[in-house]
Amino acid sequence: AKMATDPGVETDHRSIAVRCRTMRFFLPRRCLTVACLVALVHVPVLGDESAVLSLDTSTFDAVLGANPLLAVTFYAPWCGHCTNLGPEFEKAARALSGRVTFAKVDATVEIELTERYHVDGYPTIHFFTRGNHEEYTGSRLNASIVQWVVERAGLAMTVATGEEEVQRLLAARRSGSYFVAPGSAPPKGPFGR
């Protein structure tokens, strides 16, 4: 395989580029047979904008429906613990950007959501997996939040069934790095489900 350090992505009729951090590997297109495994490895590409969405009653259900993995903190603006959690939750959101969506709800304003999810204190973090939710009870540090969410989210991978689907997934990716592994056998070892 050829290697290049140019951060751009190129394909031609003979090869497809696979980039990991700042290096690109060119694989012959013939390696992309019946099934390809696309595993997204995240490198945040966000600027100064927040990686945490602000939700209210009118947007919550739509965001929940559109994001199979969603971490939500219910907070009160006057709460000291909530103020301390804010930057840590932001770091966790940036670390898992493109894989898990992070959001916040002002529980003092959005009473309906607070009651629906039985929020009794602030801050309260819920992790939603395809609509089902679980309350986070760990520490309020970035590393603990990320570890807990990753344990529940599972591996960040998509199995593609052909080259067109690989190209569609690569075009729609939301992270700066990715990995493509060719083959027709189901994933095994650490990639197995």
N, C-alpha and C. Protein backbone atom coordinates (compact mmCIF):
# COMPACT_ATOMS: atom_id res chain seq x y z
N ALA A 1 0.84 -1.19 0.00
CA ALA A 1 0.00 0.00 0.00
C ALA A 1 0.87 1.23 0.00
N LYS A 2 0.44 2.27 -0.73
CA LYS A 2 1.14 3.54 -0.76
C LYS A 2 0.71 4.38 0.43
N MET A 3 1.58 5.25 0.92
CA MET A 3 1.25 6.15 2.03
C MET A 3 1.48 7.58 1.58
N ALA A 4 0.66 8.49 2.11
CA ALA A 4 0.85 9.91 1.84
C ALA A 4 0.51 10.66 3.12
N THR A 5 1.09 11.82 3.30
CA THR A 5 0.81 12.60 4.51
C THR A 5 -0.12 13.76 4.24
N ASP A 6 -0.54 13.94 3.01
CA ASP A 6 -1.51 14.98 2.69
C ASP A 6 -2.82 14.68 3.38
N PRO A 7 -3.42 15.65 4.15
CA PRO A 7 -4.65 15.34 4.88
C PRO A 7 -5.89 15.23 4.01
N GLY A 8 -5.83 15.51 2.73
CA GLY A 8 -7.01 15.41 1.86
C GLY A 8 -7.38 13.97 1.59
N VAL A 9 -8.55 13.78 1.05
CA VAL A 9 -9.03 12.44 0.71
C VAL A 9 -9.19 12.36 -0.79
N GLU A 10 -8.63 11.34 -1.39
CA GLU A 10 -8.73 11.18 -2.83
C GLU A 10 -9.11 9.75 -3.16
N THR A 11 -9.83 9.60 -4.24
CA THR A 11 -10.06 8.27 -4.79
C THR A 11 -9.91 8.38 -6.29
N ASP A 12 -9.55 7.30 -6.91
CA ASP A 12 -9.52 7.24 -8.35
C ASP A 12 -10.07 5.87 -8.75
N HIS A 13 -9.97 5.52 -9.99
CA HIS A 13 -10.55 4.26 -10.45
C HIS A 13 -9.80 3.04 -9.92
N ARG A 14 -8.60 3.21 -9.35
CA ARG A 14 -7.81 2.07 -8.90
C ARG A 14 -7.74 1.93 -7.38
N SER A 15 -7.97 3.02 -6.63
CA SER A 15 -7.74 2.92 -5.19
C SER A 15 -8.69 3.81 -4.41
N ILE A 16 -8.75 3.56 -3.11
CA ILE A 16 -9.53 4.39 -2.19
C ILE A 16 -8.59 4.79 -1.06
N ALA A 17 -8.71 6.03 -0.62
CA ALA A 17 -7.84 6.53 0.44
C ALA A 17 -8.42 6.19 1.80
N VAL A 18 -7.56 5.75 2.69
CA VAL A 18 -7.95 5.48 4.07
C VAL A 18 -7.03 6.30 4.94
N ARG A 19 -7.60 7.18 5.75
CA ARG A 19 -6.79 8.11 6.52
C ARG A 19 -6.87 7.78 8.01
N CYS A 20 -5.74 7.81 8.67
CA CYS A 20 -5.67 7.63 10.11
C CYS A 20 -4.83 8.78 10.64
N ARG A 21 -5.44 9.67 11.39
CA ARG A 21 -4.83 10.91 11.87
C ARG A 21 -4.33 11.69 10.66
N THR A 22 -3.02 11.83 10.44
CA THR A 22 -2.54 12.64 9.32
C THR A 22 -1.95 11.79 8.19
N MET A 23 -2.04 10.48 8.29
CA MET A 23 -1.48 9.64 7.23
C MET A 23 -2.60 8.99 6.43
N ARG A 24 -2.38 8.84 5.16
CA ARG A 24 -3.34 8.20 4.28
C ARG A 24 -2.74 6.93 3.71
N PHE A 25 -3.55 5.91 3.60
CA PHE A 25 -3.13 4.66 2.99
C PHE A 25 -4.04 4.43 1.79
N PHE A 26 -3.44 4.07 0.67
CA PHE A 26 -4.22 3.80 -0.52
C PHE A 26 -4.35 2.30 -0.70
N LEU A 27 -5.59 1.84 -0.76
CA LEU A 27 -5.86 0.42 -0.95
C LEU A 27 -6.45 0.22 -2.35
N PRO A 28 -6.06 -0.85 -3.01
CA PRO A 28 -6.67 -1.12 -4.32
C PRO A 28 -8.17 -1.32 -4.16
N ARG A 29 -8.95 -0.81 -5.09
CA ARG A 29 -10.40 -0.95 -5.03
C ARG A 29 -10.81 -2.42 -5.04
N ARG A 30 -10.03 -3.28 -5.64
CA ARG A 30 -10.40 -4.69 -5.68
C ARG A 30 -10.43 -5.31 -4.29
N CYS A 31 -9.79 -4.66 -3.30
CA CYS A 31 -9.84 -5.16 -1.92
C CYS A 31 -11.21 -4.94 -1.29
N LEU A 32 -11.97 -4.00 -1.84
CA LEU A 32 -13.29 -3.71 -1.28
C LEU A 32 -14.31 -4.62 -1.97
N THR A 33 -14.44 -5.82 -1.46
CA THR A 33 -15.31 -6.80 -2.10
C THR A 33 -16.71 -6.73 -1.54
N VAL A 34 -17.33 -7.87 -1.30
CA VAL A 34 -18.74 -7.94 -0.93
C VAL A 34 -19.07 -7.12 0.30
N ALA A 35 -18.29 -7.21 1.35
CA ALA A 35 -18.60 -6.46 2.57
C ALA A 35 -17.36 -5.74 3.05
N CYS A 36 -17.55 -4.56 3.58
CA CYS A 36 -16.46 -3.77 4.13
C CYS A 36 -16.84 -3.37 5.53
N LEU A 37 -15.86 -3.28 6.38
CA LEU A 37 -16.08 -2.86 7.75
C LEU A 37 -15.57 -1.44 7.88
N VAL A 38 -16.42 -0.53 8.31
CA VAL A 38 -16.02 0.86 8.49
C VAL A 38 -16.11 1.14 9.97
N ALA A 39 -14.99 1.41 10.61
CA ALA A 39 -14.99 1.75 12.03
C ALA A 39 -14.53 3.19 12.16
N LEU A 40 -15.34 4.01 12.78
CA LEU A 40 -15.00 5.41 12.94
C LEU A 40 -14.18 5.61 14.20
N VAL A 41 -13.00 6.20 14.04
CA VAL A 41 -12.14 6.54 15.16
C VAL A 41 -12.17 8.04 15.25
N HIS A 42 -12.58 8.55 16.37
CA HIS A 42 -12.89 9.97 16.46
C HIS A 42 -11.68 10.85 16.75
N VAL A 43 -11.58 11.92 15.99
CA VAL A 43 -10.71 13.04 16.29
C VAL A 43 -11.62 14.26 16.19
N PRO A 44 -11.84 14.99 17.28
CA PRO A 44 -12.78 16.11 17.24
C PRO A 44 -12.42 17.12 16.17
N VAL A 45 -13.43 17.60 15.45
CA VAL A 45 -13.22 18.60 14.43
C VAL A 45 -14.06 19.84 14.71
N LEU A 46 -14.47 20.00 15.95
CA LEU A 46 -15.31 21.14 16.32
C LEU A 46 -14.44 22.36 16.59
N GLY A 47 -14.98 23.51 16.33
CA GLY A 47 -14.28 24.76 16.62
C GLY A 47 -14.61 25.21 18.03
N ASP A 48 -14.87 26.50 18.19
CA ASP A 48 -15.18 27.06 19.50
C ASP A 48 -16.63 26.85 19.91
N GLU A 49 -17.47 26.41 19.00
CA GLU A 49 -18.88 26.23 19.34
C GLU A 49 -19.04 25.05 20.29
N SER A 50 -20.12 25.07 21.05
CA SER A 50 -20.38 24.02 22.02
C SER A 50 -20.72 22.71 21.33
N ALA A 51 -20.24 21.62 21.90
CA ALA A 51 -20.56 20.29 21.39
C ALA A 51 -21.82 19.75 22.07
N VAL A 52 -22.38 20.52 23.00
CA VAL A 52 -23.57 20.11 23.75
C VAL A 52 -24.77 20.90 23.23
N LEU A 53 -25.79 20.18 22.78
CA LEU A 53 -27.01 20.82 22.29
C LEU A 53 -27.85 21.30 23.47
N SER A 54 -28.54 22.41 23.31
CA SER A 54 -29.52 22.87 24.30
C SER A 54 -30.90 22.45 23.83
N LEU A 55 -31.59 21.68 24.67
CA LEU A 55 -32.89 21.15 24.29
C LEU A 55 -33.99 21.73 25.17
N ASP A 56 -35.20 21.75 24.61
CA ASP A 56 -36.39 22.12 25.37
C ASP A 56 -37.49 21.13 25.00
N THR A 57 -38.66 21.34 25.54
CA THR A 57 -39.77 20.41 25.31
C THR A 57 -40.09 20.28 23.82
N SER A 58 -39.96 21.36 23.06
CA SER A 58 -40.31 21.32 21.64
C SER A 58 -39.27 20.59 20.78
N THR A 59 -38.04 20.46 21.25
CA THR A 59 -36.99 19.83 20.45
C THR A 59 -36.54 18.47 20.97
N PHE A 60 -36.85 18.17 22.22
CA PHE A 60 -36.30 16.98 22.86
C PHE A 60 -36.64 15.69 22.10
N ASP A 61 -37.91 15.45 21.83
CA ASP A 61 -38.31 14.19 21.19
C ASP A 61 -37.72 14.03 19.80
N ALA A 62 -37.63 15.12 19.04
CA ALA A 62 -37.04 15.04 17.70
C ALA A 62 -35.56 14.68 17.77
N VAL A 63 -34.84 15.30 18.70
CA VAL A 63 -33.41 15.00 18.85
C VAL A 63 -33.23 13.57 19.35
N LEU A 64 -34.07 13.15 20.28
CA LEU A 64 -34.00 11.78 20.80
C LEU A 64 -34.27 10.77 19.67
N GLY A 65 -35.24 11.05 18.81
CA GLY A 65 -35.54 10.16 17.69
C GLY A 65 -34.46 10.11 16.63
N ALA A 66 -33.76 11.23 16.46
CA ALA A 66 -32.73 11.32 15.42
C ALA A 66 -31.37 10.82 15.87
N ASN A 67 -31.19 10.61 17.17
CA ASN A 67 -29.88 10.22 17.71
C ASN A 67 -30.03 8.97 18.57
N PRO A 68 -29.62 7.82 18.04
CA PRO A 68 -29.80 6.58 18.80
C PRO A 68 -28.99 6.53 20.09
N LEU A 69 -27.92 7.32 20.18
CA LEU A 69 -27.12 7.41 21.39
C LEU A 69 -27.09 8.87 21.83
N LEU A 70 -27.71 9.15 22.98
CA LEU A 70 -27.86 10.53 23.44
C LEU A 70 -27.62 10.60 24.93
N ALA A 71 -26.70 11.47 25.34
CA ALA A 71 -26.45 11.73 26.76
C ALA A 71 -27.01 13.12 27.07
N VAL A 72 -27.86 13.20 28.10
CA VAL A 72 -28.52 14.46 28.44
C VAL A 72 -28.29 14.77 29.91
N THR A 73 -27.86 16.00 30.18
CA THR A 73 -27.77 16.45 31.56
C THR A 73 -28.94 17.40 31.83
N PHE A 74 -29.65 17.13 32.90
CA PHE A 74 -30.71 18.01 33.38
C PHE A 74 -30.07 18.87 34.46
N TYR A 75 -30.11 20.17 34.29
CA TYR A 75 -29.37 21.07 35.19
C TYR A 75 -30.25 22.22 35.64
N ALA A 76 -29.76 22.93 36.65
CA ALA A 76 -30.37 24.18 37.10
C ALA A 76 -29.28 25.25 37.00
N PRO A 77 -29.59 26.40 36.41
CA PRO A 77 -28.56 27.43 36.22
C PRO A 77 -27.93 27.93 37.53
N TRP A 78 -28.66 27.88 38.63
CA TRP A 78 -28.15 28.38 39.90
C TRP A 78 -27.38 27.33 40.69
N CYS A 79 -27.32 26.08 40.19
CA CYS A 79 -26.71 24.95 40.90
C CYS A 79 -25.19 24.95 40.72
N GLY A 80 -24.46 24.98 41.84
CA GLY A 80 -23.00 24.96 41.80
C GLY A 80 -22.43 23.69 41.20
N HIS A 81 -23.02 22.54 41.55
CA HIS A 81 -22.55 21.27 40.99
C HIS A 81 -22.77 21.24 39.48
N CYS A 82 -23.88 21.84 39.02
CA CYS A 82 -24.16 21.90 37.58
C CYS A 82 -23.13 22.77 36.87
N THR A 83 -22.78 23.88 37.50
CA THR A 83 -21.78 24.79 36.93
C THR A 83 -20.44 24.08 36.80
N ASN A 84 -20.08 23.28 37.81
CA ASN A 84 -18.83 22.53 37.76
C ASN A 84 -18.87 21.40 36.72
N LEU A 85 -20.04 20.79 36.53
CA LEU A 85 -20.19 19.71 35.56
C LEU A 85 -20.10 20.23 34.12
N GLY A 86 -20.55 21.44 33.86
CA GLY A 86 -20.63 21.98 32.50
C GLY A 86 -19.38 21.77 31.66
N PRO A 87 -18.19 22.22 32.11
CA PRO A 87 -16.98 22.02 31.30
C PRO A 87 -16.60 20.55 31.13
N GLU A 88 -16.85 19.74 32.14
CA GLU A 88 -16.53 18.31 32.05
C GLU A 88 -17.46 17.61 31.05
N PHE A 89 -18.73 17.99 31.07
CA PHE A 89 -19.70 17.43 30.12
C PHE A 89 -19.34 17.86 28.70
N GLU A 90 -18.89 19.09 28.54
CA GLU A 90 -18.45 19.59 27.23
C GLU A 90 -17.25 18.79 26.73
N LYS A 91 -16.28 18.52 27.59
CA LYS A 91 -15.11 17.72 27.20
C LYS A 91 -15.54 16.31 26.78
N ALA A 92 -16.45 15.71 27.53
CA ALA A 92 -16.95 14.39 27.17
C ALA A 92 -17.66 14.43 25.81
N ALA A 93 -18.44 15.48 25.57
CA ALA A 93 -19.13 15.63 24.29
C ALA A 93 -18.14 15.75 23.14
N ARG A 94 -17.09 16.49 23.34
CA ARG A 94 -16.07 16.64 22.29
C ARG A 94 -15.32 15.32 22.07
N ALA A 95 -15.06 14.59 23.15
CA ALA A 95 -14.35 13.32 23.03
C ALA A 95 -15.16 12.29 22.25
N LEU A 96 -16.48 12.34 22.36
CA LEU A 96 -17.34 11.35 21.71
C LEU A 96 -18.14 11.94 20.54
N SER A 97 -17.76 13.13 20.10
CA SER A 97 -18.45 13.78 18.98
C SER A 97 -18.42 12.91 17.74
N GLY A 98 -19.56 12.82 17.08
CA GLY A 98 -19.67 11.98 15.89
C GLY A 98 -20.09 10.56 16.23
N ARG A 99 -20.08 10.23 17.50
CA ARG A 99 -20.46 8.90 17.95
C ARG A 99 -21.67 8.95 18.87
N VAL A 100 -21.64 9.86 19.84
CA VAL A 100 -22.72 10.03 20.80
C VAL A 100 -23.07 11.51 20.82
N THR A 101 -24.35 11.83 20.81
CA THR A 101 -24.80 13.22 20.90
C THR A 101 -24.98 13.57 22.37
N PHE A 102 -24.50 14.75 22.74
CA PHE A 102 -24.64 15.25 24.11
C PHE A 102 -25.56 16.46 24.10
N ALA A 103 -26.41 16.55 25.10
CA ALA A 103 -27.36 17.66 25.18
C ALA A 103 -27.60 18.04 26.63
N LYS A 104 -28.19 19.21 26.81
CA LYS A 104 -28.54 19.68 28.15
C LYS A 104 -29.95 20.23 28.15
N VAL A 105 -30.60 20.11 29.30
CA VAL A 105 -31.96 20.60 29.48
C VAL A 105 -31.99 21.41 30.76
N ASP A 106 -32.47 22.65 30.68
CA ASP A 106 -32.65 23.47 31.88
C ASP A 106 -33.89 22.94 32.60
N ALA A 107 -33.65 22.18 33.66
CA ALA A 107 -34.73 21.49 34.36
C ALA A 107 -35.65 22.45 35.11
N THR A 108 -35.19 23.68 35.35
CA THR A 108 -36.04 24.65 36.04
C THR A 108 -37.08 25.25 35.10
N VAL A 109 -36.84 25.14 33.81
CA VAL A 109 -37.76 25.68 32.80
C VAL A 109 -38.58 24.55 32.17
N GLU A 110 -37.93 23.44 31.89
CA GLU A 110 -38.56 22.32 31.18
C GLU A 110 -39.12 21.31 32.18
N ILE A 111 -40.15 21.72 32.91
CA ILE A 111 -40.74 20.92 33.98
C ILE A 111 -41.30 19.61 33.44
N GLU A 112 -41.93 19.64 32.27
CA GLU A 112 -42.51 18.43 31.69
C GLU A 112 -41.45 17.35 31.49
N LEU A 113 -40.29 17.72 30.93
CA LEU A 113 -39.20 16.75 30.72
C LEU A 113 -38.63 16.27 32.05
N THR A 114 -38.51 17.19 32.98
CA THR A 114 -37.99 16.84 34.31
C THR A 114 -38.87 15.80 34.97
N GLU A 115 -40.17 15.97 34.88
CA GLU A 115 -41.11 15.01 35.47
C GLU A 115 -41.14 13.70 34.69
N ARG A 116 -41.08 13.78 33.37
CA ARG A 116 -41.12 12.57 32.53
C ARG A 116 -39.98 11.63 32.87
N TYR A 117 -38.79 12.18 33.15
CA TYR A 117 -37.61 11.36 33.42
C TYR A 117 -37.25 11.30 34.91
N HIS A 118 -38.19 11.69 35.75
CA HIS A 118 -38.06 11.56 37.21
C HIS A 118 -36.76 12.17 37.73
N VAL A 119 -36.49 13.39 37.31
CA VAL A 119 -35.30 14.09 37.77
C VAL A 119 -35.60 14.68 39.15
N ASP A 120 -34.87 14.19 40.16
CA ASP A 120 -35.10 14.62 41.53
C ASP A 120 -34.06 15.60 42.04
N GLY A 121 -32.91 15.66 41.40
CA GLY A 121 -31.83 16.55 41.84
C GLY A 121 -31.03 17.02 40.64
N TYR A 122 -30.17 17.96 40.89
CA TYR A 122 -29.36 18.55 39.82
C TYR A 122 -27.88 18.42 40.15
N PRO A 123 -27.04 18.15 39.19
CA PRO A 123 -27.36 17.72 37.83
C PRO A 123 -27.72 16.23 37.80
N THR A 124 -28.52 15.86 36.84
CA THR A 124 -28.86 14.45 36.59
C THR A 124 -28.54 14.17 35.13
N ILE A 125 -27.78 13.12 34.90
CA ILE A 125 -27.41 12.73 33.54
C ILE A 125 -28.14 11.44 33.19
N HIS A 126 -28.80 11.44 32.05
CA HIS A 126 -29.43 10.24 31.52
C HIS A 126 -28.76 9.90 30.19
N PHE A 127 -28.55 8.62 29.97
CA PHE A 127 -28.01 8.15 28.69
C PHE A 127 -29.11 7.35 28.00
N PHE A 128 -29.46 7.79 26.80
CA PHE A 128 -30.52 7.17 26.01
C PHE A 128 -29.90 6.31 24.92
N THR A 129 -30.31 5.06 24.86
CA THR A 129 -29.88 4.14 23.82
C THR A 129 -31.13 3.71 23.07
N ARG A 130 -31.30 4.24 21.88
CA ARG A 130 -32.47 3.95 21.05
C ARG A 130 -33.77 4.13 21.84
N GLY A 131 -33.84 5.23 22.60
CA GLY A 131 -35.05 5.58 23.33
C GLY A 131 -35.09 5.11 24.76
N ASN A 132 -34.41 4.03 25.10
CA ASN A 132 -34.36 3.56 26.48
C ASN A 132 -33.33 4.39 27.24
N HIS A 133 -33.60 4.67 28.52
CA HIS A 133 -32.66 5.51 29.23
C HIS A 133 -32.21 4.89 30.54
N GLU A 134 -31.02 5.32 30.95
CA GLU A 134 -30.40 4.88 32.19
C GLU A 134 -29.76 6.10 32.84
N GLU A 135 -29.91 6.21 34.14
CA GLU A 135 -29.35 7.35 34.86
C GLU A 135 -27.89 7.08 35.21
N TYR A 136 -27.07 8.09 34.99
CA TYR A 136 -25.64 8.02 35.34
C TYR A 136 -25.48 8.41 36.80
N THR A 137 -24.72 7.60 37.55
CA THR A 137 -24.53 7.88 38.97
C THR A 137 -23.05 7.99 39.34
N GLY A 138 -22.17 8.08 38.35
CA GLY A 138 -20.73 8.15 38.60
C GLY A 138 -20.27 9.55 38.93
N SER A 139 -18.96 9.74 38.87
CA SER A 139 -18.38 11.04 39.20
C SER A 139 -18.68 12.05 38.10
N ARG A 140 -18.48 13.29 38.39
CA ARG A 140 -18.77 14.37 37.43
C ARG A 140 -17.54 14.79 36.65
N LEU A 141 -16.64 13.85 36.42
CA LEU A 141 -15.43 14.13 35.66
C LEU A 141 -15.55 13.57 34.24
N ASN A 142 -14.95 14.28 33.31
CA ASN A 142 -14.97 13.92 31.90
C ASN A 142 -14.63 12.45 31.67
N ALA A 143 -13.50 11.98 32.20
CA ALA A 143 -13.05 10.61 31.94
C ALA A 143 -14.06 9.58 32.43
N SER A 144 -14.67 9.82 33.57
CA SER A 144 -15.67 8.88 34.10
C SER A 144 -16.91 8.86 33.23
N ILE A 145 -17.34 10.03 32.80
CA ILE A 145 -18.53 10.11 31.94
C ILE A 145 -18.27 9.40 30.62
N VAL A 146 -17.11 9.67 30.01
CA VAL A 146 -16.77 9.04 28.72
C VAL A 146 -16.71 7.52 28.87
N GLN A 147 -16.03 7.04 29.90
CA GLN A 147 -15.90 5.59 30.10
C GLN A 147 -17.27 4.94 30.26
N TRP A 148 -18.13 5.55 31.07
CA TRP A 148 -19.46 5.00 31.31
C TRP A 148 -20.30 4.96 30.03
N VAL A 149 -20.25 6.05 29.28
CA VAL A 149 -21.03 6.13 28.03
C VAL A 149 -20.51 5.12 27.01
N VAL A 150 -19.19 5.01 26.86
CA VAL A 150 -18.61 4.06 25.90
C VAL A 150 -18.98 2.63 26.26
N GLU A 151 -18.97 2.30 27.55
CA GLU A 151 -19.36 0.95 27.98
C GLU A 151 -20.79 0.63 27.56
N ARG A 152 -21.66 1.62 27.56
CA ARG A 152 -23.05 1.39 27.20
C ARG A 152 -23.31 1.53 25.70
N ALA A 153 -22.49 2.32 25.03
CA ALA A 153 -22.69 2.57 23.60
C ALA A 153 -22.18 1.44 22.73
N GLY A 154 -21.18 0.70 23.18
CA GLY A 154 -20.60 -0.35 22.37
C GLY A 154 -19.60 0.22 21.38
N LEU A 155 -19.13 -0.63 20.49
CA LEU A 155 -18.13 -0.22 19.51
C LEU A 155 -18.71 0.73 18.48
N ALA A 156 -17.88 1.64 18.02
CA ALA A 156 -18.29 2.60 16.99
C ALA A 156 -17.92 2.03 15.63
N MET A 157 -18.81 1.24 15.07
CA MET A 157 -18.52 0.68 13.75
C MET A 157 -19.80 0.50 12.96
N THR A 158 -19.62 0.49 11.67
CA THR A 158 -20.72 0.24 10.74
C THR A 158 -20.23 -0.78 9.73
N VAL A 159 -21.02 -1.79 9.47
CA VAL A 159 -20.68 -2.77 8.45
C VAL A 159 -21.37 -2.35 7.16
N ALA A 160 -20.58 -2.14 6.11
CA ALA A 160 -21.11 -1.72 4.81
C ALA A 160 -21.16 -2.95 3.90
N THR A 161 -22.14 -2.99 3.02
CA THR A 161 -22.32 -4.16 2.16
C THR A 161 -21.76 -3.99 0.75
N GLY A 162 -21.15 -2.88 0.47
CA GLY A 162 -20.56 -2.69 -0.86
C GLY A 162 -19.82 -1.38 -0.94
N GLU A 163 -19.14 -1.21 -2.06
CA GLU A 163 -18.31 -0.03 -2.23
C GLU A 163 -19.12 1.26 -2.25
N GLU A 164 -20.32 1.24 -2.87
CA GLU A 164 -21.14 2.46 -2.89
C GLU A 164 -21.51 2.89 -1.47
N GLU A 165 -21.85 1.91 -0.63
CA GLU A 165 -22.21 2.24 0.75
C GLU A 165 -20.99 2.76 1.52
N VAL A 166 -19.81 2.20 1.26
CA VAL A 166 -18.58 2.70 1.89
C VAL A 166 -18.38 4.16 1.51
N GLN A 167 -18.52 4.48 0.22
CA GLN A 167 -18.34 5.86 -0.23
C GLN A 167 -19.36 6.80 0.41
N ARG A 168 -20.63 6.34 0.54
CA ARG A 168 -21.66 7.16 1.18
C ARG A 168 -21.32 7.41 2.64
N LEU A 169 -20.87 6.36 3.36
CA LEU A 169 -20.51 6.51 4.78
C LEU A 169 -19.31 7.44 4.96
N LEU A 170 -18.33 7.30 4.07
CA LEU A 170 -17.15 8.16 4.18
C LEU A 170 -17.51 9.62 3.90
N ALA A 171 -18.40 9.85 2.96
CA ALA A 171 -18.80 11.22 2.63
C ALA A 171 -19.59 11.85 3.77
N ALA A 172 -20.33 11.05 4.52
CA ALA A 172 -21.18 11.57 5.59
C ALA A 172 -20.52 11.53 6.96
N ARG A 173 -19.28 11.09 7.06
CA ARG A 173 -18.64 10.95 8.37
C ARG A 173 -18.53 12.30 9.07
N ARG A 174 -18.54 12.24 10.41
CA ARG A 174 -18.45 13.46 11.20
C ARG A 174 -17.18 13.49 12.03
N SER A 175 -16.24 12.63 11.75
CA SER A 175 -14.98 12.65 12.48
C SER A 175 -13.84 12.81 11.48
N GLY A 176 -12.67 13.15 11.99
CA GLY A 176 -11.53 13.41 11.13
C GLY A 176 -10.75 12.17 10.74
N SER A 177 -10.98 11.04 11.40
CA SER A 177 -10.25 9.82 11.09
C SER A 177 -11.21 8.66 10.91
N TYR A 178 -10.79 7.70 10.12
CA TYR A 178 -11.62 6.53 9.89
C TYR A 178 -10.74 5.38 9.46
N PHE A 179 -11.31 4.19 9.46
CA PHE A 179 -10.59 2.98 9.11
C PHE A 179 -11.51 2.13 8.26
N VAL A 180 -11.00 1.59 7.18
CA VAL A 180 -11.78 0.71 6.32
C VAL A 180 -11.04 -0.62 6.25
N ALA A 181 -11.74 -1.70 6.58
CA ALA A 181 -11.15 -3.04 6.50
C ALA A 181 -11.99 -3.87 5.54
N PRO A 182 -11.39 -4.36 4.48
CA PRO A 182 -12.13 -5.15 3.50
C PRO A 182 -12.35 -6.58 3.98
N GLY A 183 -13.31 -7.23 3.40
CA GLY A 183 -13.54 -8.64 3.68
C GLY A 183 -15.01 -8.98 3.67
N SER A 184 -15.31 -10.26 3.51
CA SER A 184 -16.70 -10.68 3.48
C SER A 184 -17.12 -11.44 4.74
N ALA A 185 -16.18 -11.78 5.60
CA ALA A 185 -16.51 -12.50 6.83
C ALA A 185 -17.01 -11.51 7.88
N PRO A 186 -17.89 -11.96 8.78
CA PRO A 186 -18.35 -11.06 9.85
C PRO A 186 -17.19 -10.70 10.78
N PRO A 187 -17.27 -9.56 11.47
CA PRO A 187 -16.19 -9.13 12.36
C PRO A 187 -15.97 -10.16 13.49
N LYS A 188 -14.71 -10.33 13.86
CA LYS A 188 -14.34 -11.26 14.93
C LYS A 188 -13.47 -10.54 15.94
N GLY A 189 -13.20 -11.19 17.03
CA GLY A 189 -12.33 -10.64 18.07
C GLY A 189 -12.90 -9.40 18.68
N PRO A 190 -12.09 -8.37 18.87
CA PRO A 190 -12.59 -7.17 19.54
C PRO A 190 -13.66 -6.42 18.75
N PHE A 191 -13.77 -6.70 17.42
CA PHE A 191 -14.78 -6.02 16.62
C PHE A 191 -16.08 -6.78 16.58
N GLY A 192 -16.12 -8.02 17.05
CA GLY A 192 -17.33 -8.82 17.02
C GLY A 192 -18.39 -8.27 17.93
N ARG A 193 -19.63 -8.49 17.58
CA ARG A 193 -20.74 -8.02 18.42
C ARG A 193 -21.31 -9.15 19.21
